[in-house]
């Protein structure tokens, strides 16, 4: 069985790969680039936290902000420009929710 910490990293990596592949197919989409960043930062933050003690409160604020901005970009691009779908906001939302679940597990340990 895969331990929980590794499972989070695998999901973030899969979300990153999906958003990167979609961005390569449609390079004009700012929302897909923002989703790629929103999925890559939690992965990097989790990997960096293993090696060094980092301020988890700051990381949580950073990750939630980046994911919220990426979701807002996706929704604005869909509504204002008419490019993309509202489902493009699901990738950064999923990455942000997974970070919050990851942090809740760290606090309860």
Protein backbone atom coordinates (compact mmCIF):
# COMPACT_ATOMS: atom_id res chain seq x y z
CA UNK A 1 0.00 0.00 0.00
CA UNK A 2 1.23 3.48 -0.88
CA UNK A 3 1.72 5.67 2.16
CA UNK A 4 -0.35 8.84 2.31
CA UNK A 5 2.52 11.33 1.86
CA UNK A 6 3.63 9.58 -1.31
CA UNK A 7 0.05 9.42 -2.59
CA UNK A 8 -0.30 13.22 -2.32
CA UNK A 9 2.87 13.68 -4.33
CA UNK A 10 1.71 11.22 -6.98
CA UNK A 11 -1.62 13.04 -7.36
CA UNK A 12 0.10 16.45 -7.61
CA UNK A 13 2.49 15.01 -10.18
CA UNK A 14 -0.39 13.57 -12.22
CA UNK A 15 -2.23 16.91 -12.08
CA UNK A 16 0.96 18.66 -13.17
CA UNK A 17 1.48 16.27 -16.08
CA UNK A 18 -2.14 16.64 -17.22
CA UNK A 19 -1.99 20.43 -17.11
CA UNK A 20 1.45 20.49 -18.79
CA UNK A 21 0.25 18.23 -21.62
CA UNK A 22 -2.87 20.33 -22.09
CA UNK A 23 -0.74 23.50 -22.08
CA UNK A 24 1.58 22.05 -24.74
CA UNK A 25 -1.43 21.38 -26.94
CA UNK A 26 -2.88 24.84 -26.41
CA UNK A 27 -0.06 27.27 -25.63
CA UNK A 28 -2.30 30.34 -25.87
CA UNK A 29 -4.22 29.32 -22.75
CA UNK A 30 -3.08 31.28 -19.72
CA UNK A 31 -5.37 29.24 -17.46
CA UNK A 32 -3.57 25.99 -18.30
CA UNK A 33 -0.21 27.60 -17.55
CA UNK A 34 -1.56 28.87 -14.23
CA UNK A 35 -2.92 25.38 -13.48
CA UNK A 36 0.51 23.94 -14.19
CA UNK A 37 2.07 26.34 -11.68
CA UNK A 38 -0.71 25.65 -9.15
CA UNK A 39 0.01 21.91 -9.33
CA UNK A 40 3.79 22.20 -9.35
CA UNK A 41 4.14 24.45 -6.31
CA UNK A 42 2.47 22.08 -3.81
CA UNK A 43 4.66 19.26 -5.11
CA UNK A 44 7.79 21.37 -4.66
CA UNK A 45 6.60 22.58 -1.26
CA UNK A 46 6.00 19.05 -0.03
CA UNK A 47 9.37 17.86 -1.32
CA UNK A 48 11.18 20.84 0.22
CA UNK A 49 9.40 20.33 3.55
CA UNK A 50 10.84 16.84 3.82
CA UNK A 51 14.42 18.04 3.64
CA UNK A 52 14.11 21.28 5.59
CA UNK A 53 11.81 22.59 8.27
CA UNK A 54 9.70 25.24 6.55
CA UNK A 55 6.97 27.48 7.94
CA UNK A 56 3.85 25.45 7.17
CA UNK A 57 1.48 28.38 7.77
CA UNK A 58 3.25 30.45 5.13
CA UNK A 59 3.27 27.52 2.71
CA UNK A 60 -0.45 26.97 3.22
CA UNK A 61 -1.21 30.64 2.55
CA UNK A 62 1.01 30.56 -0.54
CA UNK A 63 -0.49 27.37 -1.97
CA UNK A 64 -4.10 28.35 -1.35
CA UNK A 65 -3.52 31.79 -2.88
CA UNK A 66 -1.82 30.40 -5.97
CA UNK A 67 -4.54 27.79 -6.49
CA UNK A 68 -7.32 30.35 -5.98
CA UNK A 69 -5.72 32.77 -8.45
CA UNK A 70 -5.25 29.98 -11.01
CA UNK A 71 -8.92 29.01 -10.62
CA UNK A 72 -9.98 32.64 -10.98
CA UNK A 73 -7.87 32.98 -14.13
CA UNK A 74 -9.50 29.89 -15.62
CA UNK A 75 -13.01 31.12 -14.86
CA UNK A 76 -12.24 34.63 -16.14
CA UNK A 77 -10.72 33.29 -19.33
CA UNK A 78 -13.80 31.16 -19.89
CA UNK A 79 -16.32 33.92 -19.09
CA UNK A 80 -14.65 37.02 -20.53
CA UNK A 81 -12.65 35.69 -23.47
CA UNK A 82 -14.76 32.63 -24.20
CA UNK A 83 -11.70 30.39 -24.26
CA UNK A 84 -11.70 27.12 -22.33
CA UNK A 85 -14.33 25.69 -20.04
CA UNK A 86 -15.22 26.17 -16.39
CA UNK A 87 -13.80 22.68 -15.84
CA UNK A 88 -10.31 24.15 -16.35
CA UNK A 89 -10.63 25.54 -12.84
CA UNK A 90 -10.92 22.04 -11.37
CA UNK A 91 -7.22 21.20 -11.67
CA UNK A 92 -5.97 24.08 -9.50
CA UNK A 93 -8.92 23.63 -7.12
CA UNK A 94 -8.03 19.96 -6.72
CA UNK A 95 -4.38 20.83 -6.07
CA UNK A 96 -5.37 23.38 -3.43
CA UNK A 97 -7.83 21.08 -1.69
CA UNK A 98 -5.25 18.31 -1.67
CA UNK A 99 -2.76 20.69 -0.06
CA UNK A 100 -5.27 21.55 2.68
CA UNK A 101 -5.93 17.85 3.32
CA UNK A 102 -2.19 17.21 3.34
CA UNK A 103 -1.66 19.98 5.90
CA UNK A 104 -4.52 18.79 8.09
CA UNK A 105 -2.85 15.38 8.23
CA UNK A 106 0.47 16.98 9.20
CA UNK A 107 -1.14 18.97 12.03
CA UNK A 108 -2.93 15.97 13.49
CA UNK A 109 0.28 13.88 13.66
